[in-house]
Amino acid sequence: MKGWDDLTHCRILFELLAEAGRNERIRAILTENTDGVRALLMEALKAGQSRGEVDPDLDPKHTSAVLVVILDAAPMLPLMASDIGFKESRKLITTMVSRFLRPAT
């Protein structure tokens, strides 16, 4: 994988996610990986909440799941919407996630 803008990576991830719906071994591997990522995100969210940088009303467990889905799907946006490039996609998603996490004023 060359990076976020690697179309081959995006296509492989699509296939991997589809296969996880049919193959228990693949699903177990993805679940284990996702659980690890979610644990890191939950800790980061809790730390952000304690510093007042993340909305305290957001449940870190559920929010981490939403963030994983966004992060998994984000690189695929240019495949599904060819008029949006990787650079613009990253910018949009960064803005959306920042606003989502920000405490209410």
Foldseek 3Di string as FASTA:
>chain_A
DPDLQDVVVLVVLVVLVVVLVVDVVSVVVVVVVLVVQLVVQLVVLVVCVVVLFFAPVDRSNVVSVVVVVCVSCQSCVCVVVVVAHNVNSVVVSVVVVSVNGGHDD
